[in-house]
Amino acid sequence: MANAAPTSESVPVREFIPFRFVVILYPEGGSAAQPLCAGAFSEVSGFEFTMTPKTIQEGGRNWGEVQLAGNTKFAPITLKRGITSLTDLYQWFDISSRQANYALRLSGHIDVYDRSVNSENKPAKPALRWELTRAMAVKFKGPDLSATASQVAVEELQLVHEGMELKIAPEGQNT
């Protein structure tokens, strides 16, 4: 999408405390070491799962119904007030919505960083990670342009996905 692929080190979460949620997206089967899209955001919402149970009436069972697990639905993830070193998030939305790779899906993760500052001046480690499966950008909103405002590059990006999993400590890192 962009000329140079972003890396997790190119996302400026360590320098800007308000941007403590880092999103790294890569093709299915790909690696987080070589993401296609990356950005740091100050607000992330939509961590919601809803499972609708299926009920069965059993003959002869007059007290209640049998409750079985049904389909699970996931709310869209909304990333707000983000910064990225490249235009990769916009390009992903553009490619997914009107170019040859219609509905291009990416997998990835959202790292949540602690607010505390490391006294040893070492890179911050994420406190937890949400892993996304087959995410697709469905809404991109840029900032309002104003000569007096100091807005960030991405105002809002909304993603739908086919699954999400919470990881307390990302692989290979101690929190």
C-alpha atoms as a PDB file:
ATOM      1  CA  MET A   1       0.000   0.000   0.000  1.00  0.00           C
ATOM      2  CA  ALA A   2       2.614   2.531   1.084  1.00  0.00           C
ATOM      3  CA  ASN A   3       6.169   2.748  -0.168  1.00  0.00           C
ATOM      4  CA  ALA A   4       7.682   1.503   3.087  1.00  0.00           C
ATOM      5  CA  ALA A   5       5.942  -0.879   5.449  1.00  0.00           C
ATOM      6  CA  PRO A   6       5.448   0.498   8.961  1.00  0.00           C
ATOM      7  CA  THR A   7       7.038  -1.288  11.874  1.00  0.00           C
ATOM      8  CA  SER A   8       6.002  -1.471  15.511  1.00  0.00           C
ATOM      9  CA  GLU A   9       8.973   0.801  16.287  1.00  0.00           C
ATOM     10  CA  SER A  10       7.714   3.474  13.843  1.00  0.00           C
ATOM     11  CA  VAL A  11       4.452   3.915  15.772  1.00  0.00           C
ATOM     12  CA  PRO A  12       5.051   6.848  18.151  1.00  0.00           C
ATOM     13  CA  VAL A  13       3.308   5.528  21.285  1.00  0.00           C
ATOM     14  CA  ARG A  14       6.366   5.926  23.498  1.00  0.00           C
ATOM     15  CA  GLU A  15       6.765   9.628  22.804  1.00  0.00           C
ATOM     16  CA  PHE A  16       3.110  10.605  23.215  1.00  0.00           C
ATOM     17  CA  ILE A  17       1.406   9.352  26.374  1.00  0.00           C
ATOM     18  CA  PRO A  18      -2.165  10.143  25.154  1.00  0.00           C
ATOM     19  CA  PHE A  19      -1.686   7.668  22.288  1.00  0.00           C
ATOM     20  CA  ARG A  20      -1.446   4.521  24.376  1.00  0.00           C
ATOM     21  CA  PHE A  21      -3.255   2.084  22.075  1.00  0.00           C
ATOM     22  CA  VAL A  22      -1.158   0.743  19.196  1.00  0.00           C
ATOM     23  CA  VAL A  23      -2.816  -1.039  16.272  1.00  0.00           C
ATOM     24  CA  ILE A  24      -0.736  -3.305  14.022  1.00  0.00           C
ATOM     25  CA  LEU A  25      -2.468  -4.938  11.019  1.00  0.00           C
ATOM     26  CA  TYR A  26      -0.987  -7.500   8.638  1.00  0.00           C
ATOM     27  CA  PRO A  27      -2.255  -9.958   6.000  1.00  0.00           C
ATOM     28  CA  GLU A  28      -3.601 -13.310   7.157  1.00  0.00           C
ATOM     29  CA  GLY A  29      -0.718 -15.700   7.630  1.00  0.00           C
ATOM     30  CA  GLY A  30       1.617 -12.687   7.794  1.00  0.00           C
ATOM     31  CA  SER A  31       3.701 -11.422  10.651  1.00  0.00           C
ATOM     32  CA  ALA A  32       3.400  -8.461  13.015  1.00  0.00           C
ATOM     33  CA  ALA A  33       7.091  -7.838  12.261  1.00  0.00           C
ATOM     34  CA  GLN A  34       6.090  -6.697   8.738  1.00  0.00           C
ATOM     35  CA  PRO A  35       2.675  -5.017   9.069  1.00  0.00           C
ATOM     36  CA  LEU A  36       0.826  -3.305   6.239  1.00  0.00           C
ATOM     37  CA  CYS A  37      -0.891  -0.800   8.538  1.00  0.00           C
ATOM     38  CA  ALA A  38       0.004   0.610  11.930  1.00  0.00           C
ATOM     39  CA  GLY A  39      -1.046   3.521  14.098  1.00  0.00           C
ATOM     40  CA  ALA A  40      -1.348   4.800  17.660  1.00  0.00           C
ATOM     41  CA  PHE A  41      -4.739   5.929  18.936  1.00  0.00           C
ATOM     42  CA  SER A  42      -5.969   7.782  22.009  1.00  0.00           C
ATOM     43  CA  GLU A  43      -9.359   6.028  22.144  1.00  0.00           C
ATOM     44  CA  VAL A  44     -10.523   2.548  21.156  1.00  0.00           C
ATOM     45  CA  SER A  45     -14.070   1.275  21.664  1.00  0.00           C
ATOM     46  CA  GLY A  46     -16.196  -1.669  20.596  1.00  0.00           C
ATOM     47  CA  PHE A  47     -14.802  -4.518  22.669  1.00  0.00           C
ATOM     48  CA  GLU A  48     -18.193  -6.167  22.834  1.00  0.00           C
ATOM     49  CA  PHE A  49     -19.301  -9.769  22.320  1.00  0.00           C
ATOM     50  CA  THR A  50     -22.914 -10.899  22.266  1.00  0.00           C
ATOM     51  CA  MET A  51     -23.980 -14.535  22.274  1.00  0.00           C
ATOM     52  CA  THR A  52     -27.645 -15.239  21.652  1.00  0.00           C
ATOM     53  CA  PRO A  53     -28.637 -18.499  23.356  1.00  0.00           C
ATOM     54  CA  LYS A  54     -30.864 -21.021  21.618  1.00  0.00           C
ATOM     55  CA  THR A  55     -33.661 -22.485  23.674  1.00  0.00           C
ATOM     56  CA  ILE A  56     -35.118 -25.954  23.261  1.00  0.00           C
ATOM     57  CA  GLN A  57     -38.388 -27.169  24.714  1.00  0.00           C
ATOM     58  CA  GLU A  58     -38.052 -30.795  25.816  1.00  0.00           C
ATOM     59  CA  GLY A  59     -41.118 -32.935  25.994  1.00  0.00           C
ATOM     60  CA  GLY A  60     -41.939 -33.841  29.584  1.00  0.00           C
ATOM     61  CA  ARG A  61     -39.704 -31.085  30.963  1.00  0.00           C
ATOM     62  CA  ASN A  62     -42.172 -28.606  32.402  1.00  0.00           C
ATOM     63  CA  TRP A  63     -39.735 -26.564  34.480  1.00  0.00           C
ATOM     64  CA  GLY A  64     -37.726 -24.297  32.167  1.00  0.00           C
ATOM     65  CA  GLU A  65     -36.042 -24.745  28.827  1.00  0.00           C
ATOM     66  CA  VAL A  66     -32.696 -26.151  27.772  1.00  0.00           C
ATOM     67  CA  GLN A  67     -30.293 -23.286  27.012  1.00  0.00           C
ATOM     68  CA  LEU A  68     -27.701 -23.923  24.303  1.00  0.00           C
ATOM     69  CA  ALA A  69     -24.926 -21.624  23.111  1.00  0.00           C
ATOM     70  CA  GLY A  70     -25.832 -19.751  19.929  1.00  0.00           C
ATOM     71  CA  ASN A  71     -23.977 -17.552  17.473  1.00  0.00           C
ATOM     72  CA  THR A  72     -21.578 -14.924  18.800  1.00  0.00           C
ATOM     73  CA  LYS A  73     -21.676 -11.445  17.295  1.00  0.00           C
ATOM     74  CA  PHE A  74     -18.901  -8.860  17.550  1.00  0.00           C
ATOM     75  CA  ALA A  75     -19.397  -5.090  17.655  1.00  0.00           C
ATOM     76  CA  PRO A  76     -17.302  -2.956  15.296  1.00  0.00           C
ATOM     77  CA  ILE A  77     -14.017  -1.660  16.727  1.00  0.00           C
ATOM     78  CA  THR A  78     -13.774   2.137  16.567  1.00  0.00           C
ATOM     79  CA  LEU A  79     -10.311   3.720  16.673  1.00  0.00           C
ATOM     80  CA  LYS A  80     -10.353   7.464  17.427  1.00  0.00           C
ATOM     81  CA  ARG A  81      -7.801  10.260  17.281  1.00  0.00           C
ATOM     82  CA  GLY A  82      -4.906   8.381  15.790  1.00  0.00           C
ATOM     83  CA  ILE A  83      -1.497   9.132  14.399  1.00  0.00           C
ATOM     84  CA  THR A  84       0.555   7.125  11.960  1.00  0.00           C
ATOM     85  CA  SER A  85       3.781   7.801  10.122  1.00  0.00           C
ATOM     86  CA  LEU A  86       2.278   6.895   6.734  1.00  0.00           C
ATOM     87  CA  THR A  87      -1.082   7.073   4.977  1.00  0.00           C
ATOM     88  CA  ASP A  88      -1.411   3.295   5.230  1.00  0.00           C
ATOM     89  CA  LEU A  89      -4.731   3.239   7.111  1.00  0.00           C
ATOM     90  CA  TYR A  90      -6.407   5.477   4.538  1.00  0.00           C
ATOM     91  CA  GLN A  91      -4.897   3.468   1.684  1.00  0.00           C
ATOM     92  CA  TRP A  92      -6.220   0.233   3.209  1.00  0.00           C
ATOM     93  CA  PHE A  93      -9.728   1.697   3.375  1.00  0.00           C
ATOM     94  CA  ASP A  94      -9.403   3.030  -0.185  1.00  0.00           C
ATOM     95  CA  ILE A  95      -8.214  -0.316  -1.569  1.00  0.00           C
ATOM     96  CA  SER A  96     -10.919  -2.179   0.362  1.00  0.00           C
ATOM     97  CA  SER A  97     -13.739   0.024  -0.817  1.00  0.00           C
ATOM     98  CA  ARG A  98     -13.098   0.901  -4.460  1.00  0.00           C
ATOM     99  CA  GLN A  99      -9.981  -0.646  -5.915  1.00  0.00           C
ATOM    100  CA  ALA A 100      -9.008  -4.133  -7.105  1.00  0.00           C
ATOM    101  CA  ASN A 101      -8.738  -5.757  -3.642  1.00  0.00           C
ATOM    102  CA  TYR A 102     -12.361  -5.246  -2.666  1.00  0.00           C
ATOM    103  CA  ALA A 103     -12.927  -6.032   1.021  1.00  0.00           C
ATOM    104  CA  LEU A 104      -9.247  -6.697   1.761  1.00  0.00           C
ATOM    105  CA  ARG A 105      -9.089  -8.342   5.188  1.00  0.00           C
ATOM    106  CA  LEU A 106      -6.215  -7.959   7.641  1.00  0.00           C
ATOM    107  CA  SER A 107      -5.546  -9.625  10.961  1.00  0.00           C
ATOM    108  CA  GLY A 108      -3.683  -7.914  13.733  1.00  0.00           C
ATOM    109  CA  HIS A 109      -3.646  -6.766  17.302  1.00  0.00           C
ATOM    110  CA  ILE A 110      -4.308  -3.787  19.547  1.00  0.00           C
ATOM    111  CA  ASP A 111      -1.713  -3.316  22.284  1.00  0.00           C
ATOM    112  CA  VAL A 112      -2.681  -1.419  25.447  1.00  0.00           C
ATOM    113  CA  TYR A 113       0.246   0.369  27.073  1.00  0.00           C
ATOM    114  CA  ASP A 114       0.514   1.340  30.725  1.00  0.00           C
ATOM    115  CA  ARG A 115       0.465   5.067  31.550  1.00  0.00           C
ATOM    116  CA  SER A 116       3.512   4.811  33.818  1.00  0.00           C
ATOM    117  CA  VAL A 117       6.838   6.099  32.530  1.00  0.00           C
ATOM    118  CA  ASN A 118       9.759   3.693  32.582  1.00  0.00           C
ATOM    119  CA  SER A 119      12.486   5.113  34.859  1.00  0.00           C
ATOM    120  CA  GLU A 120      15.179   3.111  33.037  1.00  0.00           C
ATOM    121  CA  ASN A 121      14.236   4.775  29.722  1.00  0.00           C
ATOM    122  CA  LYS A 122      13.534   1.372  28.140  1.00  0.00           C
ATOM    123  CA  PRO A 123      10.800   0.874  25.549  1.00  0.00           C
ATOM    124  CA  ALA A 124       7.387   0.417  27.109  1.00  0.00           C
ATOM    125  CA  LYS A 125       5.822  -3.043  27.013  1.00  0.00           C
ATOM    126  CA  PRO A 126       2.119  -3.586  26.440  1.00  0.00           C
ATOM    127  CA  ALA A 127      -0.017  -4.472  29.460  1.00  0.00           C
ATOM    128  CA  LEU A 128      -2.400  -6.540  27.360  1.00  0.00           C
ATOM    129  CA  ARG A 129      -3.262  -7.326  23.764  1.00  0.00           C
ATOM    130  CA  TRP A 130      -6.495  -7.792  21.808  1.00  0.00           C
ATOM    131  CA  GLU A 131      -5.977  -9.949  18.717  1.00  0.00           C
ATOM    132  CA  LEU A 132      -8.316  -9.351  15.766  1.00  0.00           C
ATOM    133  CA  THR A 133      -9.200 -11.870  13.053  1.00  0.00           C
ATOM    134  CA  ARG A 134     -10.058 -10.828   9.489  1.00  0.00           C
ATOM    135  CA  ALA A 135     -10.684  -7.128  10.125  1.00  0.00           C
ATOM    136  CA  MET A 136     -12.063  -4.898   7.384  1.00  0.00           C
ATOM    137  CA  ALA A 137     -12.183  -1.093   7.396  1.00  0.00           C
ATOM    138  CA  VAL A 138     -15.756   0.162   6.968  1.00  0.00           C
ATOM    139  CA  LYS A 139     -15.423   3.831   7.935  1.00  0.00           C
ATOM    140  CA  PHE A 140     -12.587   6.342   7.677  1.00  0.00           C
ATOM    141  CA  LYS A 141     -12.937   9.891   8.990  1.00  0.00           C
ATOM    142  CA  GLY A 142     -10.158  12.442   8.650  1.00  0.00           C
ATOM    143  CA  PRO A 143      -9.820  15.538  10.828  1.00  0.00           C
ATOM    144  CA  ASP A 144     -11.504  18.827  10.031  1.00  0.00           C
ATOM    145  CA  LEU A 145      -8.970  21.108   8.383  1.00  0.00           C
ATOM    146  CA  SER A 146      -8.366  24.350  10.227  1.00  0.00           C
ATOM    147  CA  ALA A 147      -5.307  26.593  10.202  1.00  0.00           C
ATOM    148  CA  THR A 148      -5.683  27.219  13.949  1.00  0.00           C
ATOM    149  CA  ALA A 149      -6.246  23.620  15.018  1.00  0.00           C
ATOM    150  CA  SER A 150      -3.614  21.016  15.777  1.00  0.00           C
ATOM    151  CA  GLN A 151      -5.539  17.882  14.873  1.00  0.00           C
ATOM    152  CA  VAL A 152      -4.149  14.414  14.297  1.00  0.00           C
ATOM    153  CA  ALA A 153      -4.050  12.587  10.979  1.00  0.00           C
ATOM    154  CA  VAL A 154      -6.860  10.060  11.564  1.00  0.00           C
ATOM    155  CA  GLU A 155      -9.956  11.188  13.437  1.00  0.00           C
ATOM    156  CA  GLU A 156     -11.807   7.860  13.307  1.00  0.00           C
ATOM    157  CA  LEU A 157     -11.401   4.426  11.748  1.00  0.00           C
ATOM    158  CA  GLN A 158     -14.072   1.758  12.175  1.00  0.00           C
ATOM    159  CA  LEU A 159     -13.311  -1.939  11.712  1.00  0.00           C
ATOM    160  CA  VAL A 160     -15.588  -4.948  11.504  1.00  0.00           C
ATOM    161  CA  HIS A 161     -14.011  -8.307  12.221  1.00  0.00           C
ATOM    162  CA  GLU A 162     -14.714 -12.015  12.501  1.00  0.00           C
ATOM    163  CA  GLY A 163     -13.313 -12.585  15.965  1.00  0.00           C
ATOM    164  CA  MET A 164     -11.246 -11.188  18.788  1.00  0.00           C
ATOM    165  CA  GLU A 165      -9.235 -12.691  21.631  1.00  0.00           C
ATOM    166  CA  LEU A 166      -7.780 -11.095  24.766  1.00  0.00           C
ATOM    167  CA  LYS A 167      -4.160 -11.927  25.605  1.00  0.00           C
ATOM    168  CA  ILE A 168      -2.945 -10.793  29.013  1.00  0.00           C
ATOM    169  CA  ALA A 169       0.779 -10.860  28.213  1.00  0.00           C
ATOM    170  CA  PRO A 170       1.847 -10.657  24.556  1.00  0.00           C
ATOM    171  CA  GLU A 171       4.084 -13.492  23.380  1.00  0.00           C
ATOM    172  CA  GLY A 172       7.746 -13.117  24.253  1.00  0.00           C
ATOM    173  CA  GLN A 173       7.160 -10.199  26.621  1.00  0.00           C
ATOM    174  CA  ASN A 174       6.913  -9.998  30.382  1.00  0.00           C
ATOM    175  CA  THR A 175       4.512  -7.440  31.756  1.00  0.00           C
END
